[in-house]
């Protein structure tokens, strides 16, 4: 088997990743003829600026959100 330098291996892998990105075609990685991984193109790319804060003003607080949901007397851990 031909020995490959790290830089050659890296260049080949990056080239294959670029092909997956460009063609949107998955790549199956095999070892000894058996599949070990699949490289998939990313799903729709999300622009962070579009989703950060997108839920602002979409929630309504009803009641007390600080106090426990039930009375402290019902908490087994607080009993002696």
Protein backbone atom coordinates (compact mmCIF):
# COMPACT_ATOMS: atom_id res chain seq x y z
CA UNK A 1 0.00 0.00 0.00
CA UNK A 2 1.33 3.43 -0.95
CA UNK A 3 2.23 5.65 1.99
CA UNK A 4 0.58 9.07 1.87
CA UNK A 5 1.81 12.15 3.70
CA UNK A 6 -0.48 13.99 6.09
CA UNK A 7 -0.62 17.03 3.80
CA UNK A 8 -1.64 14.84 0.83
CA UNK A 9 -4.31 13.14 2.92
CA UNK A 10 -5.63 16.49 4.17
CA UNK A 11 -5.71 17.93 0.65
CA UNK A 12 -7.58 14.88 -0.66
CA UNK A 13 -10.13 14.98 2.21
CA UNK A 14 -10.73 18.71 1.84
CA UNK A 15 -11.19 18.24 -1.91
CA UNK A 16 -13.77 15.51 -1.31
CA UNK A 17 -15.60 17.68 1.24
CA UNK A 18 -15.70 20.51 -1.28
CA UNK A 19 -17.16 18.12 -3.87
CA UNK A 20 -19.90 17.11 -1.40
CA UNK A 21 -20.67 20.78 -0.72
CA UNK A 22 -20.70 21.75 -4.39
CA UNK A 23 -22.62 18.79 -5.81
CA UNK A 24 -24.85 18.18 -2.74
CA UNK A 25 -24.07 14.47 -3.21
CA UNK A 26 -23.37 12.29 -0.13
CA UNK A 27 -20.04 10.50 0.18
CA UNK A 28 -19.71 7.03 1.72
CA UNK A 29 -16.40 6.28 3.45
CA UNK A 30 -15.36 2.63 3.51
CA UNK A 31 -12.61 0.66 5.15
CA UNK A 32 -11.71 -2.74 3.76
CA UNK A 33 -14.83 -2.48 1.59
CA UNK A 34 -17.20 -1.96 4.53
CA UNK A 35 -18.98 1.37 5.06
CA UNK A 36 -17.81 3.23 8.18
CA UNK A 37 -19.23 6.73 7.67
CA UNK A 38 -21.28 8.92 5.39
CA UNK A 39 -20.58 12.57 4.70
CA UNK A 40 -23.80 14.39 3.93
CA UNK A 41 -24.21 17.89 2.55
CA UNK A 42 -25.59 20.27 5.17
CA UNK A 43 -29.31 20.85 5.32
CA UNK A 44 -30.49 24.36 4.58
CA UNK A 45 -27.89 26.82 5.79
CA UNK A 46 -29.38 29.04 8.46
CA UNK A 47 -28.28 32.62 8.77
CA UNK A 48 -27.71 33.16 12.51
CA UNK A 49 -28.85 36.76 12.28
CA UNK A 50 -32.25 35.61 11.04
CA UNK A 51 -33.02 33.30 13.98
CA UNK A 52 -31.38 35.06 16.92
CA UNK A 53 -34.17 36.94 18.62
CA UNK A 54 -36.76 35.59 16.20
CA UNK A 55 -39.01 34.45 19.10
CA UNK A 56 -38.94 37.84 20.81
CA UNK A 57 -42.38 38.93 22.05
CA UNK A 58 -43.87 35.52 21.23
CA UNK A 59 -44.30 34.25 24.82
CA UNK A 60 -46.84 35.16 27.45
CA UNK A 61 -46.21 34.53 31.15
CA UNK A 62 -49.31 33.42 33.01
CA UNK A 63 -48.96 33.27 36.79
CA UNK A 64 -45.86 33.04 38.95
CA UNK A 65 -42.86 31.59 37.09
CA UNK A 66 -40.47 31.86 40.08
CA UNK A 67 -42.21 29.86 42.83
CA UNK A 68 -42.21 26.04 42.86
CA UNK A 69 -45.03 24.33 40.99
CA UNK A 70 -46.28 22.69 44.18
CA UNK A 71 -46.21 23.45 47.90
CA UNK A 72 -42.95 22.82 49.78
CA UNK A 73 -44.85 20.54 52.21
CA UNK A 74 -45.28 18.08 49.31
CA UNK A 75 -41.52 17.81 48.71
CA UNK A 76 -40.27 14.48 50.03
CA UNK A 77 -36.66 15.70 50.14
CA UNK A 78 -37.56 18.44 52.68
CA UNK A 79 -39.21 16.03 55.12
CA UNK A 80 -37.33 14.94 58.28
